[in-house]
Amino acid sequence: MIGHRSVPTLFAVFAFGSWMTADAADSSAANTPNPIPRTSTSGPGIIAIGSPMVWHPTNAPDTFSANTTFSSTPVTVDNGAVTIWQQQVPTGSNGEWDVFYMKTTNGGPLAGNISANWNITLDYTLTAAVFFDQVVMQWVVNGTPVSPVTNGIGSICCASASNPILPGWSYYNSGFSSPLPAGLFSSWQQVFVDPYTLVSSGGINPNTANELIFALHFTLQSAVPMITSVISADQYGAFPTIAPGSWIEIYGSNLGEIAQQWASSNFSGVGGVYAPTLWAERQRRWMARRPSQST
């Protein structure tokens, strides 16, 4: 069985839990992480580097909780059985990939009991409201992604030979845009497979895969527009009352992303009727023409 929630995602097994404080345990230094094969640039820090997070998997290979921070420095958890770390790759000023690594330290399988339920959940904090819009997941054997993989593990989708962030075969999904608020996400369920042997239906050997990598892409949501005043145009007195057919100015904040100049597309209809709203200045002011008749 593959567990899932309604938010669109690669796995149909993703979920986010209630807003709450997590309880967790151990972490300490470990091995060197795998490199991300993409160039990093300055980004928005949607998950802040160094921010607290909690891993609490089931049967991976044990059931445990571990306090750590979002960091590329590997730590060993689960009494030394597992190494975890994270990396971040910005995709510009308003987006980023957050990549999560988990591997067994002895090279054994990711599930302690391959015939039982296997569940990967974690807690992390978003610094801003975002859209969750891409996701990638890979099973790895001794540093090499399992290849090829197929769409056979329940609702896990979609097998792909390439993706924007990780080298090799993976399950990659995009084309959705799920809004998420800023704040703590508790018990984010990345993947749930029951029994774990079901991964063999996707071409993954449950006895040899010893590392899991998954990457989440977030894009900042635009700020909410706020209108503070509406007056007649400056050239016509800047009055608080507005006559039909007159020019008006709308003031506020976050009214748009860019400045826009007058263009022929702003005029339409008989006699060149002005479009209802037009940019005059970026974010701060709109200019519009009130209709001559009520609608």
C-alpha atoms as a PDB file:
ATOM      1  CA  MET A   1       0.000   0.000   0.000  1.00  0.00           C
ATOM      2  CA  ILE A   2       1.195   3.538  -0.721  1.00  0.00           C
ATOM      3  CA  GLY A   3      -0.022   6.165   1.714  1.00  0.00           C
ATOM      4  CA  HIS A   4      -0.909   9.616   0.406  1.00  0.00           C
ATOM      5  CA  ARG A   5      -2.616  12.965   0.922  1.00  0.00           C
ATOM      6  CA  SER A   6      -4.372  15.219  -1.564  1.00  0.00           C
ATOM      7  CA  VAL A   7      -1.590  17.747  -2.267  1.00  0.00           C
ATOM      8  CA  PRO A   8      -0.322  17.054  -5.819  1.00  0.00           C
ATOM      9  CA  THR A   9       3.156  15.584  -5.798  1.00  0.00           C
ATOM     10  CA  LEU A  10       5.476  13.147  -7.383  1.00  0.00           C
ATOM     11  CA  PHE A  11       4.693  10.440  -4.925  1.00  0.00           C
ATOM     12  CA  ALA A  12       1.089  10.902  -3.973  1.00  0.00           C
ATOM     13  CA  VAL A  13       2.616   9.968  -0.650  1.00  0.00           C
ATOM     14  CA  PHE A  14       3.517  13.441   0.492  1.00  0.00           C
ATOM     15  CA  ALA A  15       1.659  14.991   3.357  1.00  0.00           C
ATOM     16  CA  PHE A  16       2.183  17.794   5.813  1.00  0.00           C
ATOM     17  CA  GLY A  17       1.117  17.432   9.383  1.00  0.00           C
ATOM     18  CA  SER A  18      -0.240  19.695  12.088  1.00  0.00           C
ATOM     19  CA  TRP A  19       1.503  22.820  13.350  1.00  0.00           C
ATOM     20  CA  MET A  20       3.259  21.654  16.474  1.00  0.00           C
ATOM     21  CA  THR A  21       6.622  21.336  18.194  1.00  0.00           C
ATOM     22  CA  ALA A  22       8.497  18.135  17.457  1.00  0.00           C
ATOM     23  CA  ASP A  23      10.319  15.960  19.948  1.00  0.00           C
ATOM     24  CA  ALA A  24      13.543  14.332  18.760  1.00  0.00           C
ATOM     25  CA  ALA A  25      16.976  12.945  19.615  1.00  0.00           C
ATOM     26  CA  ASP A  26      20.627  12.485  18.606  1.00  0.00           C
ATOM     27  CA  SER A  27      23.126  13.774  15.984  1.00  0.00           C
ATOM     28  CA  SER A  28      26.908  13.863  15.465  1.00  0.00           C
ATOM     29  CA  ALA A  29      29.519  14.327  12.711  1.00  0.00           C
ATOM     30  CA  ALA A  30      29.845  11.756   9.906  1.00  0.00           C
ATOM     31  CA  ASN A  31      31.015  11.272   6.302  1.00  0.00           C
ATOM     32  CA  THR A  32      31.389  13.566   3.271  1.00  0.00           C
ATOM     33  CA  PRO A  33      28.120  14.225   1.373  1.00  0.00           C
ATOM     34  CA  ASN A  34      27.423  13.581  -2.280  1.00  0.00           C
ATOM     35  CA  PRO A  35      27.897  16.690  -4.451  1.00  0.00           C
ATOM     36  CA  ILE A  36      24.963  18.479  -6.129  1.00  0.00           C
ATOM     37  CA  PRO A  37      25.803  18.745  -9.845  1.00  0.00           C
ATOM     38  CA  ARG A  38      24.392  22.249 -10.263  1.00  0.00           C
ATOM     39  CA  THR A  39      25.825  25.737  -9.786  1.00  0.00           C
ATOM     40  CA  SER A  40      24.468  27.559  -6.740  1.00  0.00           C
ATOM     41  CA  THR A  41      23.638  31.271  -6.734  1.00  0.00           C
ATOM     42  CA  SER A  42      22.298  33.599  -4.104  1.00  0.00           C
ATOM     43  CA  GLY A  43      18.743  32.548  -3.319  1.00  0.00           C
ATOM     44  CA  PRO A  44      15.799  33.282  -1.050  1.00  0.00           C
ATOM     45  CA  GLY A  45      16.611  30.873   1.807  1.00  0.00           C
ATOM     46  CA  ILE A  46      13.100  29.442   1.920  1.00  0.00           C
ATOM     47  CA  ILE A  47      14.416  26.805   4.305  1.00  0.00           C
ATOM     48  CA  ALA A  48      17.056  28.709   6.264  1.00  0.00           C
ATOM     49  CA  ILE A  49      20.518  27.181   6.333  1.00  0.00           C
ATOM     50  CA  GLY A  50      21.148  26.080   9.913  1.00  0.00           C
ATOM     51  CA  SER A  51      17.467  26.040  10.856  1.00  0.00           C
ATOM     52  CA  PRO A  52      16.315  23.196  13.136  1.00  0.00           C
ATOM     53  CA  MET A  53      14.666  20.151  11.644  1.00  0.00           C
ATOM     54  CA  VAL A  54      13.698  16.672  12.755  1.00  0.00           C
ATOM     55  CA  TRP A  55      13.878  13.338  10.963  1.00  0.00           C
ATOM     56  CA  HIS A  56      11.582  10.634  12.319  1.00  0.00           C
ATOM     57  CA  PRO A  57      11.455   7.636   9.947  1.00  0.00           C
ATOM     58  CA  THR A  58       9.822   4.283  10.516  1.00  0.00           C
ATOM     59  CA  ASN A  59      11.808   1.096   9.776  1.00  0.00           C
ATOM     60  CA  ALA A  60      14.565   3.095   8.038  1.00  0.00           C
ATOM     61  CA  PRO A  61      16.358   0.971   9.090  1.00  0.00           C
ATOM     62  CA  ASP A  62      14.944   1.517  12.588  1.00  0.00           C
ATOM     63  CA  THR A  63      12.175   3.702  13.965  1.00  0.00           C
ATOM     64  CA  PHE A  64      13.813   6.777  15.504  1.00  0.00           C
ATOM     65  CA  SER A  65      13.726  10.566  15.882  1.00  0.00           C
ATOM     66  CA  ALA A  66      16.731  12.814  15.368  1.00  0.00           C
ATOM     67  CA  ASN A  67      17.231  16.531  15.971  1.00  0.00           C
ATOM     68  CA  THR A  68      19.502  18.154  13.425  1.00  0.00           C
ATOM     69  CA  THR A  69      19.828  21.369  11.419  1.00  0.00           C
ATOM     70  CA  PHE A  70      19.467  22.063   7.702  1.00  0.00           C
ATOM     71  CA  SER A  71      23.130  21.703   6.789  1.00  0.00           C
ATOM     72  CA  SER A  72      25.473  20.100   4.268  1.00  0.00           C
ATOM     73  CA  THR A  73      27.498  18.698   7.169  1.00  0.00           C
ATOM     74  CA  PRO A  74      26.579  15.013   7.525  1.00  0.00           C
ATOM     75  CA  VAL A  75      25.494  13.695  10.905  1.00  0.00           C
ATOM     76  CA  THR A  76      25.050  10.151  12.138  1.00  0.00           C
ATOM     77  CA  VAL A  77      21.756   9.260  13.832  1.00  0.00           C
ATOM     78  CA  ASP A  78      19.876   6.148  14.914  1.00  0.00           C
ATOM     79  CA  ASN A  79      22.782   5.088  17.168  1.00  0.00           C
ATOM     80  CA  GLY A  80      25.212   5.377  14.271  1.00  0.00           C
ATOM     81  CA  ALA A  81      23.146   3.386  11.762  1.00  0.00           C
ATOM     82  CA  VAL A  82      22.202   6.259   9.440  1.00  0.00           C
ATOM     83  CA  THR A  83      23.882   9.334   7.950  1.00  0.00           C
ATOM     84  CA  ILE A  84      21.731  12.336   6.997  1.00  0.00           C
ATOM     85  CA  TRP A  85      22.459  15.769   5.504  1.00  0.00           C
ATOM     86  CA  GLN A  86      20.857  18.431   3.332  1.00  0.00           C
ATOM     87  CA  GLN A  87      21.916  20.778   0.549  1.00  0.00           C
ATOM     88  CA  GLN A  88      20.311  23.821  -1.036  1.00  0.00           C
ATOM     89  CA  VAL A  89      20.470  24.979  -4.668  1.00  0.00           C
ATOM     90  CA  PRO A  90      18.795  28.316  -5.482  1.00  0.00           C
ATOM     91  CA  THR A  91      16.993  28.632  -8.823  1.00  0.00           C
ATOM     92  CA  GLY A  92      17.120  32.414  -8.842  1.00  0.00           C
ATOM     93  CA  SER A  93      15.990  35.067  -6.388  1.00  0.00           C
ATOM     94  CA  ASN A  94      12.568  33.502  -5.752  1.00  0.00           C
ATOM     95  CA  GLY A  95      13.078  29.734  -5.795  1.00  0.00           C
ATOM     96  CA  GLU A  96      15.250  26.887  -4.559  1.00  0.00           C
ATOM     97  CA  TRP A  97      15.779  23.155  -4.481  1.00  0.00           C
ATOM     98  CA  ASP A  98      16.144  21.706  -0.985  1.00  0.00           C
ATOM     99  CA  VAL A  99      17.802  18.310  -1.190  1.00  0.00           C
ATOM    100  CA  PHE A 100      17.699  15.673   1.567  1.00  0.00           C
ATOM    101  CA  TYR A 101      20.058  12.688   1.859  1.00  0.00           C
ATOM    102  CA  MET A 102      19.726   9.558   3.958  1.00  0.00           C
ATOM    103  CA  LYS A 103      21.979   6.491   3.779  1.00  0.00           C
ATOM    104  CA  THR A 104      22.899   3.545   5.962  1.00  0.00           C
ATOM    105  CA  THR A 105      26.394   3.643   7.398  1.00  0.00           C
ATOM    106  CA  ASN A 106      27.047  -0.100   7.021  1.00  0.00           C
ATOM    107  CA  GLY A 107      25.846  -0.316   3.401  1.00  0.00           C
ATOM    108  CA  GLY A 108      22.836  -2.392   4.371  1.00  0.00           C
ATOM    109  CA  PRO A 109      19.273  -1.917   3.072  1.00  0.00           C
ATOM    110  CA  LEU A 110      17.286   1.212   3.886  1.00  0.00           C
ATOM    111  CA  ALA A 111      14.602  -0.876   5.594  1.00  0.00           C
ATOM    112  CA  GLY A 112      15.470  -2.939   8.637  1.00  0.00           C
ATOM    113  CA  ASN A 113      12.589  -5.256   7.754  1.00  0.00           C
ATOM    114  CA  ILE A 114      11.896  -5.215   4.017  1.00  0.00           C
ATOM    115  CA  SER A 115       8.575  -6.980   4.579  1.00  0.00           C
ATOM    116  CA  ALA A 116       7.229  -4.220   6.842  1.00  0.00           C
ATOM    117  CA  ASN A 117       5.929  -0.664   6.520  1.00  0.00           C
ATOM    118  CA  TRP A 118       8.619   1.902   5.542  1.00  0.00           C
ATOM    119  CA  ASN A 119       7.915   5.579   6.170  1.00  0.00           C
ATOM    120  CA  ILE A 120      10.052   8.744   5.841  1.00  0.00           C
ATOM    121  CA  THR A 121       8.769  11.827   7.664  1.00  0.00           C
ATOM    122  CA  LEU A 122      10.448  15.014   8.832  1.00  0.00           C
ATOM    123  CA  ASP A 123       9.797  18.435  10.341  1.00  0.00           C
ATOM    124  CA  TYR A 124      11.150  21.652   8.855  1.00  0.00           C
ATOM    125  CA  THR A 125      10.289  25.348   8.748  1.00  0.00           C
ATOM    126  CA  LEU A 126       9.500  27.553   5.753  1.00  0.00           C
ATOM    127  CA  THR A 127      10.573  31.179   6.153  1.00  0.00           C
ATOM    128  CA  ALA A 128       7.931  32.480   3.724  1.00  0.00           C
ATOM    129  CA  ALA A 129       4.743  31.477   1.931  1.00  0.00           C
ATOM    130  CA  VAL A 130       5.640  29.414  -1.135  1.00  0.00           C
ATOM    131  CA  PHE A 131       4.398  27.211  -3.927  1.00  0.00           C
ATOM    132  CA  PHE A 132       5.605  23.613  -3.745  1.00  0.00           C
ATOM    133  CA  ASP A 133       5.956  22.888  -7.463  1.00  0.00           C
ATOM    134  CA  GLN A 134       8.524  20.157  -8.214  1.00  0.00           C
ATOM    135  CA  VAL A 135       9.794  17.030  -6.494  1.00  0.00           C
ATOM    136  CA  VAL A 136      12.448  14.396  -7.233  1.00  0.00           C
ATOM    137  CA  MET A 137      13.283  11.115  -5.470  1.00  0.00           C
ATOM    138  CA  GLN A 138      16.061   8.592  -6.048  1.00  0.00           C
ATOM    139  CA  TRP A 139      17.060   5.241  -4.656  1.00  0.00           C
ATOM    140  CA  VAL A 140      20.841   4.777  -4.700  1.00  0.00           C
ATOM    141  CA  VAL A 141      23.167   1.780  -4.361  1.00  0.00           C
ATOM    142  CA  ASN A 142      26.712   2.586  -3.162  1.00  0.00           C
ATOM    143  CA  GLY A 143      26.562   6.098  -4.635  1.00  0.00           C
ATOM    144  CA  THR A 144      24.979   5.135  -7.975  1.00  0.00           C
ATOM    145  CA  PRO A 145      21.306   5.882  -8.670  1.00  0.00           C
ATOM    146  CA  VAL A 146      19.231   2.790  -9.451  1.00  0.00           C
ATOM    147  CA  SER A 147      18.829   2.640 -13.229  1.00  0.00           C
ATOM    148  CA  PRO A 148      16.399   2.375 -14.868  1.00  0.00           C
ATOM    149  CA  VAL A 149      13.333   2.741 -12.658  1.00  0.00           C
ATOM    150  CA  THR A 150       9.719   2.256 -13.716  1.00  0.00           C
ATOM    151  CA  ASN A 151       6.256   3.402 -12.668  1.00  0.00           C
ATOM    152  CA  GLY A 152       5.324   0.328 -10.699  1.00  0.00           C
ATOM    153  CA  ILE A 153       5.485   1.334  -7.030  1.00  0.00           C
ATOM    154  CA  GLY A 154       1.845   2.030  -6.351  1.00  0.00           C
ATOM    155  CA  SER A 155       1.110   5.699  -7.057  1.00  0.00           C
ATOM    156  CA  ILE A 156       4.746   6.854  -7.047  1.00  0.00           C
ATOM    157  CA  CYS A 157       5.325   8.852 -10.226  1.00  0.00           C
ATOM    158  CA  CYS A 158       6.996   9.585 -12.601  1.00  0.00           C
ATOM    159  CA  ALA A 159      10.004   7.492 -13.670  1.00  0.00           C
ATOM    160  CA  SER A 160      12.435   9.683 -15.605  1.00  0.00           C
ATOM    161  CA  ALA A 161      15.966   9.352 -16.982  1.00  0.00           C
ATOM    162  CA  SER A 162      16.672  13.000 -16.115  1.00  0.00           C
ATOM    163  CA  ASN A 163      15.514  15.814 -13.837  1.00  0.00           C
ATOM    164  CA  PRO A 164      16.612  19.396 -13.107  1.00  0.00           C
ATOM    165  CA  ILE A 165      18.647  18.724  -9.958  1.00  0.00           C
ATOM    166  CA  LEU A 166      19.999  15.165  -9.512  1.00  0.00           C
ATOM    167  CA  PRO A 167      22.032  13.056 -11.956  1.00  0.00           C
ATOM    168  CA  GLY A 168      20.626   9.718 -13.108  1.00  0.00           C
ATOM    169  CA  TRP A 169      17.247   8.037 -13.081  1.00  0.00           C
ATOM    170  CA  SER A 170      14.658   9.204 -10.574  1.00  0.00           C
ATOM    171  CA  TYR A 171      10.984   9.743  -9.924  1.00  0.00           C
ATOM    172  CA  TYR A 172      10.326  13.329 -10.989  1.00  0.00           C
ATOM    173  CA  ASN A 173       7.075  15.254 -10.963  1.00  0.00           C
ATOM    174  CA  SER A 174       6.285  18.871 -11.891  1.00  0.00           C
ATOM    175  CA  GLY A 175       3.414  20.836 -13.379  1.00  0.00           C
ATOM    176  CA  PHE A 176       1.615  21.268 -10.059  1.00  0.00           C
ATOM    177  CA  SER A 177       1.646  24.297  -7.753  1.00  0.00           C
ATOM    178  CA  SER A 178       0.586  23.710  -4.158  1.00  0.00           C
ATOM    179  CA  PRO A 179       0.493  26.834  -1.942  1.00  0.00           C
ATOM    180  CA  LEU A 180       2.081  26.381   1.479  1.00  0.00           C
ATOM    181  CA  PRO A 181       2.123  28.964   4.295  1.00  0.00           C
ATOM    182  CA  ALA A 182       5.222  30.056   6.161  1.00  0.00           C
ATOM    183  CA  GLY A 183       5.925  28.235   9.412  1.00  0.00           C
ATOM    184  CA  LEU A 184       6.690  24.833  10.862  1.00  0.00           C
ATOM    185  CA  PHE A 185       5.676  21.744   8.922  1.00  0.00           C
ATOM    186  CA  SER A 186       5.428  18.812  11.271  1.00  0.00           C
ATOM    187  CA  SER A 187       5.448  15.203  10.041  1.00  0.00           C
ATOM    188  CA  TRP A 188       5.910  16.024   6.348  1.00  0.00           C
ATOM    189  CA  GLN A 189       5.496  12.553   4.883  1.00  0.00           C
ATOM    190  CA  GLN A 190       7.810  12.175   1.933  1.00  0.00           C
ATOM    191  CA  VAL A 191       7.262   8.521   1.159  1.00  0.00           C
ATOM    192  CA  PHE A 192       5.350   5.605   2.652  1.00  0.00           C
ATOM    193  CA  VAL A 193       5.594   2.084   1.240  1.00  0.00           C
ATOM    194  CA  ASP A 194       3.903  -0.950   2.759  1.00  0.00           C
ATOM    195  CA  PRO A 195       5.493  -3.407   2.547  1.00  0.00           C
ATOM    196  CA  TYR A 196       8.873  -2.027   1.535  1.00  0.00           C
ATOM    197  CA  THR A 197       9.399  -4.936  -0.868  1.00  0.00           C
ATOM    198  CA  LEU A 198       6.912  -3.143  -3.145  1.00  0.00           C
ATOM    199  CA  VAL A 199       9.795  -0.961  -4.390  1.00  0.00           C
ATOM    200  CA  SER A 200      10.941  -3.953  -6.452  1.00  0.00           C
ATOM    201  CA  SER A 201       7.957  -3.260  -8.729  1.00  0.00           C
ATOM    202  CA  GLY A 202       9.793  -0.099  -9.808  1.00  0.00           C
ATOM    203  CA  GLY A 203      13.080  -1.855 -10.494  1.00  0.00           C
ATOM    204  CA  ILE A 204      14.618  -1.182  -7.060  1.00  0.00           C
ATOM    205  CA  ASN A 205      16.175  -4.075  -5.145  1.00  0.00           C
ATOM    206  CA  PRO A 206      15.043  -3.617  -1.502  1.00  0.00           C
ATOM    207  CA  ASN A 207      18.055  -5.615  -0.294  1.00  0.00           C
ATOM    208  CA  THR A 208      20.737  -3.496  -1.979  1.00  0.00           C
ATOM    209  CA  ALA A 209      19.453   0.117  -2.128  1.00  0.00           C
ATOM    210  CA  ASN A 210      21.249   1.829   0.752  1.00  0.00           C
ATOM    211  CA  GLU A 211      20.631   5.535   0.146  1.00  0.00           C
ATOM    212  CA  LEU A 212      17.576   7.719  -0.463  1.00  0.00           C
ATOM    213  CA  ILE A 213      17.771  11.216  -1.948  1.00  0.00           C
ATOM    214  CA  PHE A 214      14.793  13.494  -2.396  1.00  0.00           C
ATOM    215  CA  ALA A 215      14.591  17.106  -3.527  1.00  0.00           C
ATOM    216  CA  LEU A 216      11.753  19.581  -3.032  1.00  0.00           C
ATOM    217  CA  HIS A 217      11.422  22.734  -5.116  1.00  0.00           C
ATOM    218  CA  PHE A 218       9.770  25.813  -3.648  1.00  0.00           C
ATOM    219  CA  THR A 219       8.906  29.137  -5.311  1.00  0.00           C
ATOM    220  CA  LEU A 220       8.072  32.230  -3.285  1.00  0.00           C
ATOM    221  CA  GLN A 221       4.479  33.430  -3.456  1.00  0.00           C
ATOM    222  CA  SER A 222       3.960  37.040  -4.468  1.00  0.00           C
ATOM    223  CA  ALA A 223       3.181  39.408  -1.617  1.00  0.00           C
ATOM    224  CA  VAL A 224      -0.508  40.128  -0.973  1.00  0.00           C
ATOM    225  CA  PRO A 225      -1.611  43.482  -2.500  1.00  0.00           C
ATOM    226  CA  MET A 226      -2.720  46.135  -0.015  1.00  0.00           C
ATOM    227  CA  ILE A 227      -4.749  49.203  -1.133  1.00  0.00           C
ATOM    228  CA  THR A 228      -4.426  52.273   1.079  1.00  0.00           C
ATOM    229  CA  SER A 229      -6.292  54.935  -0.910  1.00  0.00           C
ATOM    230  CA  VAL A 230      -8.174  55.701  -4.134  1.00  0.00           C
ATOM    231  CA  ILE A 231      -8.343  59.305  -5.419  1.00  0.00           C
ATOM    232  CA  SER A 232      -8.970  61.165  -8.640  1.00  0.00           C
ATOM    233  CA  ALA A 233      -5.844  61.686 -10.737  1.00  0.00           C
ATOM    234  CA  ASP A 234      -3.294  64.293  -9.615  1.00  0.00           C
ATOM    235  CA  GLN A 235      -3.926  66.367 -12.741  1.00  0.00           C
ATOM    236  CA  TYR A 236      -7.617  66.572 -11.808  1.00  0.00           C
ATOM    237  CA  GLY A 237      -7.299  67.618  -8.186  1.00  0.00           C
ATOM    238  CA  ALA A 238      -6.547  64.345  -6.339  1.00  0.00           C
ATOM    239  CA  PHE A 239     -10.013  64.363  -4.771  1.00  0.00           C
ATOM    240  CA  PRO A 240     -11.398  61.498  -2.645  1.00  0.00           C
ATOM    241  CA  THR A 241     -14.627  61.556  -4.675  1.00  0.00           C
ATOM    242  CA  ILE A 242     -14.624  60.116  -8.188  1.00  0.00           C
ATOM    243  CA  ALA A 243     -16.897  61.014 -11.078  1.00  0.00           C
ATOM    244  CA  PRO A 244     -17.950  58.471 -13.734  1.00  0.00           C
ATOM    245  CA  GLY A 245     -15.527  58.413 -16.649  1.00  0.00           C
ATOM    246  CA  SER A 246     -12.727  60.160 -14.720  1.00  0.00           C
ATOM    247  CA  TRP A 247      -9.157  59.081 -14.166  1.00  0.00           C
ATOM    248  CA  ILE A 248      -8.297  57.647 -10.745  1.00  0.00           C
ATOM    249  CA  GLU A 249      -5.148  56.656  -8.896  1.00  0.00           C
ATOM    250  CA  ILE A 250      -4.968  53.611  -6.639  1.00  0.00           C
ATOM    251  CA  TYR A 251      -2.241  53.664  -3.978  1.00  0.00           C
ATOM    252  CA  GLY A 252      -0.928  50.844  -1.844  1.00  0.00           C
ATOM    253  CA  SER A 253       1.813  48.237  -1.609  1.00  0.00           C
ATOM    254  CA  ASN A 254       2.628  45.050  -3.505  1.00  0.00           C
ATOM    255  CA  LEU A 255       0.383  46.097  -6.363  1.00  0.00           C
ATOM    256  CA  GLY A 256       2.539  44.336  -8.938  1.00  0.00           C
ATOM    257  CA  GLU A 257       5.864  42.832  -9.882  1.00  0.00           C
ATOM    258  CA  ILE A 258       7.075  45.243 -12.584  1.00  0.00           C
ATOM    259  CA  ALA A 259       6.580  48.738 -14.011  1.00  0.00           C
ATOM    260  CA  GLN A 260       4.597  48.927 -17.250  1.00  0.00           C
ATOM    261  CA  GLN A 261       4.368  51.664 -19.885  1.00  0.00           C
ATOM    262  CA  TRP A 262       1.353  52.644 -21.995  1.00  0.00           C
ATOM    263  CA  ALA A 263       0.884  50.391 -25.018  1.00  0.00           C
ATOM    264  CA  SER A 264      -1.661  49.884 -27.780  1.00  0.00           C
ATOM    265  CA  SER A 265      -2.929  46.832 -25.923  1.00  0.00           C
ATOM    266  CA  ASN A 266      -4.200  49.221 -23.227  1.00  0.00           C
ATOM    267  CA  PHE A 267      -6.838  50.556 -25.615  1.00  0.00           C
ATOM    268  CA  SER A 268      -9.790  48.623 -26.993  1.00  0.00           C
ATOM    269  CA  GLY A 269     -13.353  49.001 -28.205  1.00  0.00           C
ATOM    270  CA  VAL A 270     -15.129  51.868 -29.925  1.00  0.00           C
ATOM    271  CA  GLY A 271     -13.311  55.185 -29.521  1.00  0.00           C
ATOM    272  CA  GLY A 272     -10.299  53.597 -27.848  1.00  0.00           C
ATOM    273  CA  VAL A 273     -11.778  52.801 -24.428  1.00  0.00           C
ATOM    274  CA  TYR A 274      -9.067  52.446 -21.791  1.00  0.00           C
ATOM    275  CA  ALA A 275      -8.513  49.125 -20.099  1.00  0.00           C
ATOM    276  CA  PRO A 276      -9.913  49.026 -16.541  1.00  0.00           C
ATOM    277  CA  THR A 277      -6.474  49.162 -14.848  1.00  0.00           C
ATOM    278  CA  LEU A 278      -2.946  50.107 -15.932  1.00  0.00           C
ATOM    279  CA  TRP A 279       0.453  50.439 -14.283  1.00  0.00           C
ATOM    280  CA  ALA A 280       1.780  53.902 -13.584  1.00  0.00           C
ATOM    281  CA  GLU A 281       4.501  52.974 -11.073  1.00  0.00           C
ATOM    282  CA  ARG A 282       5.865  49.672  -9.871  1.00  0.00           C
ATOM    283  CA  GLN A 283       4.089  48.269  -6.808  1.00  0.00           C
ATOM    284  CA  ARG A 284       3.011  51.659  -5.339  1.00  0.00           C
ATOM    285  CA  ARG A 285       0.424  53.136  -7.720  1.00  0.00           C
ATOM    286  CA  TRP A 286      -2.098  52.100 -10.343  1.00  0.00           C
ATOM    287  CA  MET A 287      -3.911  54.420 -12.756  1.00  0.00           C
ATOM    288  CA  ALA A 288      -7.337  53.516 -14.074  1.00  0.00           C
ATOM    289  CA  ARG A 289     -10.373  55.039 -15.675  1.00  0.00           C
ATOM    290  CA  ARG A 290     -13.693  54.570 -13.939  1.00  0.00           C
ATOM    291  CA  PRO A 291     -16.428  53.359 -16.349  1.00  0.00           C
ATOM    292  CA  SER A 292     -18.849  56.027 -17.514  1.00  0.00           C
ATOM    293  CA  GLN A 293     -21.781  53.786 -16.545  1.00  0.00           C
ATOM    294  CA  SER A 294     -22.321  51.537 -13.581  1.00  0.00           C
ATOM    295  CA  THR A 295     -21.998  47.799 -14.270  1.00  0.00           C
END
